[in-house]
Protein backbone atom coordinates (compact mmCIF):
# COMPACT_ATOMS: atom_id res chain seq x y z
CA UNK A 1 -24.29 14.64 -4.29
CA UNK A 2 -20.73 15.99 -3.67
CA UNK A 3 -19.77 13.40 -0.62
CA UNK A 4 -22.76 11.32 -1.69
CA UNK A 5 -19.96 7.86 -1.73
CA UNK A 6 -18.62 8.68 1.69
CA UNK A 7 -22.34 9.33 3.51
CA UNK A 8 -23.99 6.41 1.72
CA UNK A 9 -20.54 4.46 3.35
CA UNK A 10 -21.27 5.92 6.44
CA UNK A 11 -24.96 5.12 6.98
CA UNK A 12 -24.09 1.51 5.89
CA UNK A 13 -21.83 1.56 9.16
CA UNK A 14 -18.62 0.33 7.10
CA UNK A 15 -15.88 0.63 9.08
CA UNK A 16 -13.62 3.78 8.44
CA UNK A 17 -10.44 1.23 8.83
CA UNK A 18 -11.81 -0.86 5.82
CA UNK A 19 -11.82 2.02 3.69
CA UNK A 20 -8.66 4.30 3.80
CA UNK A 21 -6.08 4.59 5.93
CA UNK A 22 -3.00 6.90 4.74
CA UNK A 23 0.32 7.61 5.45
CA UNK A 24 3.01 10.41 5.92
CA UNK A 25 6.46 8.93 4.75
CA UNK A 26 8.07 12.42 4.83
CA UNK A 27 7.83 13.48 8.74
CA UNK A 28 10.52 11.51 10.65
CA UNK A 29 11.96 9.77 7.72
CA UNK A 30 15.38 10.77 9.01
CA UNK A 31 14.80 9.35 12.61
CA UNK A 32 16.81 6.75 13.44
CA UNK A 33 14.94 3.31 14.24
CA UNK A 34 15.44 -0.58 13.62
CA UNK A 35 14.57 -1.72 10.51
CA UNK A 36 11.47 -3.92 11.04
CA UNK A 37 12.46 -6.56 7.88
CA UNK A 38 13.16 -9.68 10.65
CA UNK A 39 10.29 -8.98 12.52
CA UNK A 40 7.95 -8.70 9.71
CA UNK A 41 9.52 -12.12 7.99
CA UNK A 42 9.17 -13.85 11.34
CA UNK A 43 5.48 -13.13 11.90
CA UNK A 44 4.48 -13.67 8.29
CA UNK A 45 6.06 -17.06 7.83
CA UNK A 46 4.19 -17.57 11.33
CA UNK A 47 1.19 -16.65 9.37
CA UNK A 48 2.15 -18.66 6.63
CA UNK A 49 2.24 -21.71 8.30
CA UNK A 50 -0.95 -21.27 10.37
CA UNK A 51 -2.44 -21.16 7.06
CA UNK A 52 -0.98 -24.19 5.87
CA UNK A 53 -1.77 -25.92 8.80
CA UNK A 54 -5.83 -25.32 7.99
CA UNK A 55 -5.67 -26.03 4.91
CA UNK A 56 -4.13 -30.06 5.66
CA UNK A 57 -7.07 -30.20 7.76
CA UNK A 58 -9.09 -32.21 5.75
CA UNK A 59 -9.13 -35.67 3.96
CA UNK A 60 -8.96 -34.07 0.30
CA UNK A 61 -5.38 -34.21 -0.80
CA UNK A 62 -3.66 -30.98 -1.99
CA UNK A 63 -6.96 -28.92 -2.25
CA UNK A 64 -5.68 -25.75 -4.02
CA UNK A 65 -8.74 -23.74 -3.54
CA UNK A 66 -8.64 -24.14 0.13
CA UNK A 67 -5.23 -23.63 0.39
CA UNK A 68 -5.97 -19.87 -1.02
CA UNK A 69 -8.67 -19.53 1.35
CA UNK A 70 -7.07 -20.47 4.60
CA UNK A 71 -4.38 -17.82 3.18
CA UNK A 72 -7.07 -15.33 2.55
CA UNK A 73 -8.36 -15.79 6.00
CA UNK A 74 -5.04 -15.51 7.48
CA UNK A 75 -3.53 -12.91 5.63
CA UNK A 76 -6.18 -10.72 4.05
CA UNK A 77 -9.31 -10.36 6.69
CA UNK A 78 -10.58 -7.27 6.31
CA UNK A 79 -11.47 -4.52 7.94
CA UNK A 80 -7.63 -4.17 8.16
CA UNK A 81 -5.06 -6.99 6.84
CA UNK A 82 -3.60 -8.69 9.81
CA UNK A 83 -0.02 -7.82 9.27
CA UNK A 84 -1.05 -4.48 8.76
CA UNK A 85 -3.03 -4.34 11.98
CA UNK A 86 0.01 -6.62 13.69
CA UNK A 87 2.53 -3.76 12.68
CA UNK A 88 0.53 -1.06 13.40
CA UNK A 89 0.45 -1.76 17.00
CA UNK A 90 3.34 -3.89 17.88
CA UNK A 91 5.91 -3.21 20.21
CA UNK A 92 8.14 -5.11 18.52
CA UNK A 93 8.19 -2.72 15.87
CA UNK A 94 9.70 1.00 15.78
CA UNK A 95 8.14 3.41 14.35
CA UNK A 96 9.27 6.94 12.54
CA UNK A 97 6.63 8.80 14.07
CA UNK A 98 5.55 8.93 17.86
CA UNK A 99 2.12 10.46 16.84
CA UNK A 100 1.19 9.76 13.03
CA UNK A 101 -2.00 11.98 13.88
CA UNK A 102 0.48 14.89 15.16
CA UNK A 103 0.50 18.61 14.12
CA UNK A 104 3.98 18.12 12.35
CA UNK A 105 1.82 15.76 9.64
CA UNK A 106 1.77 17.01 6.34
CA UNK A 107 -1.90 16.91 6.45
CA UNK A 108 -2.34 18.92 9.67
CA UNK A 109 -4.53 21.84 8.96
CA UNK A 110 -6.74 19.86 6.28
CA UNK A 111 -10.66 20.61 7.21
CA UNK A 112 -11.04 16.65 7.82
CA UNK A 113 -14.71 17.55 9.76
CA UNK A 114 -15.88 17.10 5.92
CA UNK A 115 -14.77 13.61 5.97
CA UNK A 116 -15.58 11.57 8.50
CA UNK A 117 -14.32 8.34 7.78
CA UNK A 118 -10.81 9.88 6.65
CA UNK A 119 -11.10 11.98 10.34
CA UNK A 120 -12.04 7.98 12.02
CA UNK A 121 -9.27 6.15 10.06
CA UNK A 122 -6.36 8.61 10.99
CA UNK A 123 -3.04 8.09 9.51
CA UNK A 124 -0.87 5.18 9.25
CA UNK A 125 2.54 4.69 10.96
CA UNK A 126 5.41 4.84 8.72
CA UNK A 127 8.22 2.04 9.50
CA UNK A 128 11.52 1.01 7.81
CA UNK A 129 11.70 -2.26 5.55
CA UNK A 130 15.00 -3.36 4.68
CA UNK A 131 15.97 0.17 4.23
CA UNK A 132 12.83 1.38 2.63
CA UNK A 133 10.24 4.02 4.17
CA UNK A 134 6.60 2.61 3.90
CA UNK A 135 2.80 2.90 5.92
CA UNK A 136 1.72 0.33 7.84
CA UNK A 137 -1.12 0.20 5.38
CA UNK A 138 1.13 -0.44 2.60
CA UNK A 139 1.20 -4.32 4.25
CA UNK A 140 -2.15 -4.44 4.05
CA UNK A 141 -2.84 -3.53 0.36
CA UNK A 142 0.11 -6.08 -0.11
CA UNK A 143 -1.91 -8.70 1.85
CA UNK A 144 -5.83 -8.16 0.98
CA UNK A 145 -5.61 -6.00 -2.33
CA UNK A 146 -3.06 -7.73 -3.85
CA UNK A 147 -5.00 -11.27 -3.30
CA UNK A 148 -8.27 -9.40 -5.10
CA UNK A 149 -5.52 -8.14 -7.69
CA UNK A 150 -4.39 -11.86 -8.17
CA UNK A 151 -7.85 -13.47 -8.65
CA UNK A 152 -8.91 -10.53 -11.40
CA UNK A 153 -5.54 -11.45 -12.92
CA UNK A 154 -5.50 -15.30 -12.90
CA UNK A 155 -9.33 -16.26 -13.20
CA UNK A 156 -10.40 -17.22 -16.61
CA UNK A 157 -10.39 -14.32 -19.27
CA UNK A 158 -8.68 -11.94 -16.67
CA UNK A 159 -5.46 -9.99 -17.32
CA UNK A 160 -3.16 -7.76 -15.42
CA UNK A 161 -4.79 -4.87 -17.33
CA UNK A 162 -8.06 -5.40 -15.86
CA UNK A 163 -6.82 -6.38 -12.41
CA UNK A 164 -4.54 -3.10 -11.82
CA UNK A 165 -7.54 -0.91 -13.51
CA UNK A 166 -9.95 -2.36 -10.86
CA UNK A 167 -7.14 -1.26 -8.19
CA UNK A 168 -7.17 2.36 -9.58
CA UNK A 169 -10.73 2.93 -9.79
CA UNK A 170 -10.53 1.87 -6.34
CA UNK A 171 -7.71 4.79 -5.55
CA UNK A 172 -10.30 6.74 -7.47
CA UNK A 173 -12.73 6.26 -5.33
CA UNK A 174 -13.38 4.08 -1.96
CA UNK A 175 -10.09 3.37 -1.05
CA UNK A 176 -8.66 6.83 -1.93
CA UNK A 177 -10.25 10.30 -3.56
CA UNK A 178 -13.63 9.57 -2.28
CA UNK A 179 -12.80 9.04 1.15
CA UNK A 180 -9.25 10.65 2.16
CA UNK A 181 -9.08 13.05 -1.07
CA UNK A 182 -5.71 11.24 -2.13
CA UNK A 183 -4.94 8.76 -4.79
CA UNK A 184 -1.71 6.74 -3.62
CA UNK A 185 0.38 5.34 -6.43
CA UNK A 186 2.29 3.53 -3.70
CA UNK A 187 -0.75 1.55 -2.69
CA UNK A 188 -1.17 0.41 -6.32
CA UNK A 189 2.78 -0.63 -6.22
CA UNK A 190 1.67 -2.69 -3.19
CA UNK A 191 -1.11 -3.89 -4.96
CA UNK A 192 0.83 -5.25 -7.52
CA UNK A 193 3.52 -6.78 -5.69
CA UNK A 194 0.94 -8.77 -3.58
CA UNK A 195 -0.19 -10.02 -6.87
CA UNK A 196 3.35 -11.52 -8.21
CA UNK A 197 3.15 -13.14 -4.13
CA UNK A 198 -0.06 -14.68 -4.80
CA UNK A 199 0.94 -16.06 -8.07
CA UNK A 200 3.77 -17.87 -6.12
CA UNK A 201 1.97 -19.55 -3.66
CA UNK A 202 2.12 -22.68 -5.67
CA UNK A 203 2.98 -21.86 -9.01
CA UNK A 204 6.28 -20.80 -11.12
CA UNK A 205 9.58 -21.53 -10.96
CA UNK A 206 9.80 -21.06 -7.11
CA UNK A 207 6.63 -21.58 -5.11
CA UNK A 208 6.09 -21.17 -1.51
CA UNK A 209 4.35 -24.45 -1.06
CA UNK A 210 3.99 -27.93 -2.62
CA UNK A 211 2.16 -30.97 -2.83
CA UNK A 212 3.56 -34.01 -1.19
CA UNK A 213 1.93 -37.32 -0.17
CA UNK A 214 -1.24 -35.26 -0.56
CA UNK A 215 -0.48 -32.63 1.73
CA UNK A 216 0.88 -29.22 0.93
CA UNK A 217 4.23 -28.32 2.66
CA UNK A 218 6.08 -25.03 2.90
CA UNK A 219 9.60 -25.28 1.02
CA UNK A 220 10.89 -21.57 1.25
CA UNK A 221 10.56 -18.50 3.38
CA UNK A 222 8.78 -15.20 2.70
CA UNK A 223 11.17 -12.46 2.83
CA UNK A 224 9.54 -9.07 2.44
CA UNK A 225 12.89 -7.77 0.75
CA UNK A 226 11.80 -9.64 -2.19
CA UNK A 227 8.60 -7.14 -2.62
CA UNK A 228 9.17 -3.90 -0.81
CA UNK A 229 10.73 -1.46 -3.38
CA UNK A 230 10.68 2.91 -3.01
CA UNK A 231 8.03 2.84 -5.25
CA UNK A 232 5.58 2.15 -1.85
CA UNK A 233 7.32 5.00 -0.55
CA UNK A 234 4.51 8.00 -0.91
CA UNK A 235 7.69 10.57 -0.74
CA UNK A 236 9.06 9.25 -3.81
CA UNK A 237 6.30 7.76 -5.67
CA UNK A 238 4.16 10.65 -4.76
CA UNK A 239 0.23 10.91 -4.24
CA UNK A 240 -1.76 12.91 -6.04
CA UNK A 241 -4.97 15.31 -4.30
CA UNK A 242 -7.69 16.55 -4.70
CA UNK A 243 -7.80 20.52 -4.38
CA UNK A 244 -8.42 20.78 -1.09
CA UNK A 245 -6.38 18.20 0.25
CA UNK A 246 -3.69 19.40 -2.10
CA UNK A 247 -3.53 22.79 -0.87
CA UNK A 248 -2.79 21.60 2.63
CA UNK A 249 -0.08 19.20 1.51
CA UNK A 250 1.83 21.82 -0.22
CA UNK A 251 1.72 24.55 1.90
CA UNK A 252 3.09 22.01 4.68
CA UNK A 253 5.81 20.95 2.14
CA UNK A 254 6.74 24.13 1.55
CA UNK A 255 6.95 25.19 5.08
CA UNK A 256 9.31 22.35 5.66
CA UNK A 257 11.20 22.95 2.53
CA UNK A 258 10.47 19.77 0.97
CA UNK A 259 9.32 18.51 -2.34
CA UNK A 260 7.96 15.47 -3.73
CA UNK A 261 9.79 13.26 -4.73
CA UNK A 262 12.15 14.46 -1.93
CA UNK A 263 15.69 15.84 -3.35
CA UNK A 264 17.87 13.50 -4.09
CA UNK A 265 15.96 10.99 -5.44
CA UNK A 266 16.21 11.52 -9.31
CA UNK A 267 17.95 8.06 -9.76
CA UNK A 268 15.50 6.19 -7.99
CA UNK A 269 12.49 7.51 -10.01
CA UNK A 270 14.54 7.18 -13.29
CA UNK A 271 15.60 3.15 -12.19
CA UNK A 272 11.39 2.30 -11.13
CA UNK A 273 10.60 4.23 -14.58
CA UNK A 274 12.62 1.54 -16.56
CA UNK A 275 10.44 -1.56 -15.01
CA UNK A 276 7.84 -2.64 -17.29
CA UNK A 277 5.51 -2.57 -14.62
CA UNK A 278 5.59 0.71 -13.11
CA UNK A 279 3.27 2.00 -15.78
CA UNK A 280 0.40 0.41 -13.47
CA UNK A 281 1.66 2.40 -10.55
CA UNK A 282 4.43 4.92 -10.83
CA UNK A 283 3.33 8.37 -10.15
CA UNK A 284 3.70 11.67 -12.85
CA UNK A 285 5.82 13.25 -10.19
CA UNK A 286 8.51 10.48 -10.19
CA UNK A 287 7.87 9.87 -14.15
CA UNK A 288 8.23 13.73 -14.77
CA UNK A 289 11.75 13.72 -12.42
CA UNK A 290 12.49 10.28 -14.25
CA UNK A 291 12.43 12.09 -17.59
CA UNK A 292 13.85 15.09 -16.56
CA UNK A 293 17.19 16.25 -18.45
CA UNK A 294 18.00 18.89 -16.07
CA UNK A 295 20.95 19.25 -13.85
CA UNK A 296 19.24 20.71 -11.02
CA UNK A 297 15.52 19.41 -11.80
CA UNK A 298 12.67 21.19 -10.97
CA UNK A 299 9.76 20.62 -8.91
CA UNK A 300 6.16 20.90 -10.46
CA UNK A 301 3.83 21.02 -7.49
CA UNK A 302 0.79 21.10 -9.62
CA UNK A 303 1.46 17.63 -10.69
CA UNK A 304 0.14 16.54 -7.17
CA UNK A 305 -2.90 18.44 -7.72
CA UNK A 306 -6.39 16.88 -9.37
CA UNK A 307 -8.59 19.42 -10.15
CA UNK A 308 -12.11 19.40 -10.42
CA UNK A 309 -12.07 15.98 -8.54
CA UNK A 310 -15.13 14.99 -6.34
CA UNK A 311 -14.24 15.49 -2.73
CA UNK A 312 -12.98 19.04 -2.92
């Protein structure tokens, strides 16, 4: 029963990339690379316009459900989100690691043969977006899991608590611990941000689309800087790990003299902790650092390890 869910998913031939791709925001984070904000914005707005054209290709006037279906197809298609896949492979994006699966990775040495889907999916590239270090997988979480979060939040009888609860359960199962041995709070932060984006498609004070003469028109540009924060950075908003993965990560961080959160981000964690929505996605390690009253905060490696979790 130890790896029952993983074995079952393997037998069902679910693509590994549909389940989990983790990132390493520690390795190479100081590498001088061009910020990807502008090219990501250009590409994302092109996708929005493509979805808009398809949504308007009907006799029905401003069909809201059709617009969301076309956005889902254009932005959140699985197994890997369109934007995530593009950012992972585009020559226009400069990355922080030449090979995220290299021996320099914080995951190096993990006995991955026990977890075939983790080994198959690999490690996502890390990029810089508006000064923030994030994995390309967060773009997929924003668009795909963000849409599911929005649906659970906005449907009749839905709530943010229910929606984010779904995200937490996925991180503790097929998007996280049961496949990659990692529970990513940064993934949850991207999920939440994505849900707020979908809320703004046609609703709110400043929607992206409005209805004019029976057709939707886009009235403002999408900008990733409105959504990406340090909560998406796994070297600040630290993940938690099963015992076996935790032992590997802690050994590699210790060998490099690194902590999680990284030294110098005390103020960042404090600022994130002041956000009302952070209760859904701020990691225990970042919360602990935010509450520290010590002039030189101490690091508690044990807070990163979830003892007794399945997947060990």
